[in-house]
């Protein structure tokens, strides 16, 4: 199963593509989609969609795992980030991907085994699980890989519960 993990945003959207088969992970690609404030907001959202389409067309994932947003301060930033997240979800849906959503707590629990793990602990586990030589440089990309790993573990459990 090929999974596209997404850490959504509007300035930076992290993505990670992994293959998960028989309790084994293989990294296919990861990185970020960046937009700059000097570009009109609608064009920034369009850029995110177009880049995600390119990734989907290249790797042909069947499922996307998207991290849910958590904001507790700036409502204006939260609204823009939510719009970026919405573009990610709609782009995946338009390409027929099954979409699954996970909270940051669920991701940390699945990847580290502790829901209050630090960002560094999550990144270290992503490195270990995917057999990487170093931690992925971009935090958003590492977060997207963690979401994809979380989904891979969760989907396996759900298949067992359903008896598949």
Foldseek 3Di string as FASTA:
>chain_A
DKEWFWEFFQQKIWIWIWDDDPNAIAGDDIDIQGDDPVDDSVVSLVSLLVVVLVVCVVPVDQAYEYEDDDDDDDPVRVVRRVSRSVSVVVSCVVVNHHYHYDYQQLLCCQQQVGSPDDLVSLQVSLCVRNVHPHRPPDSNRSVRSSRRSSVSVVVVVVCVVVVD
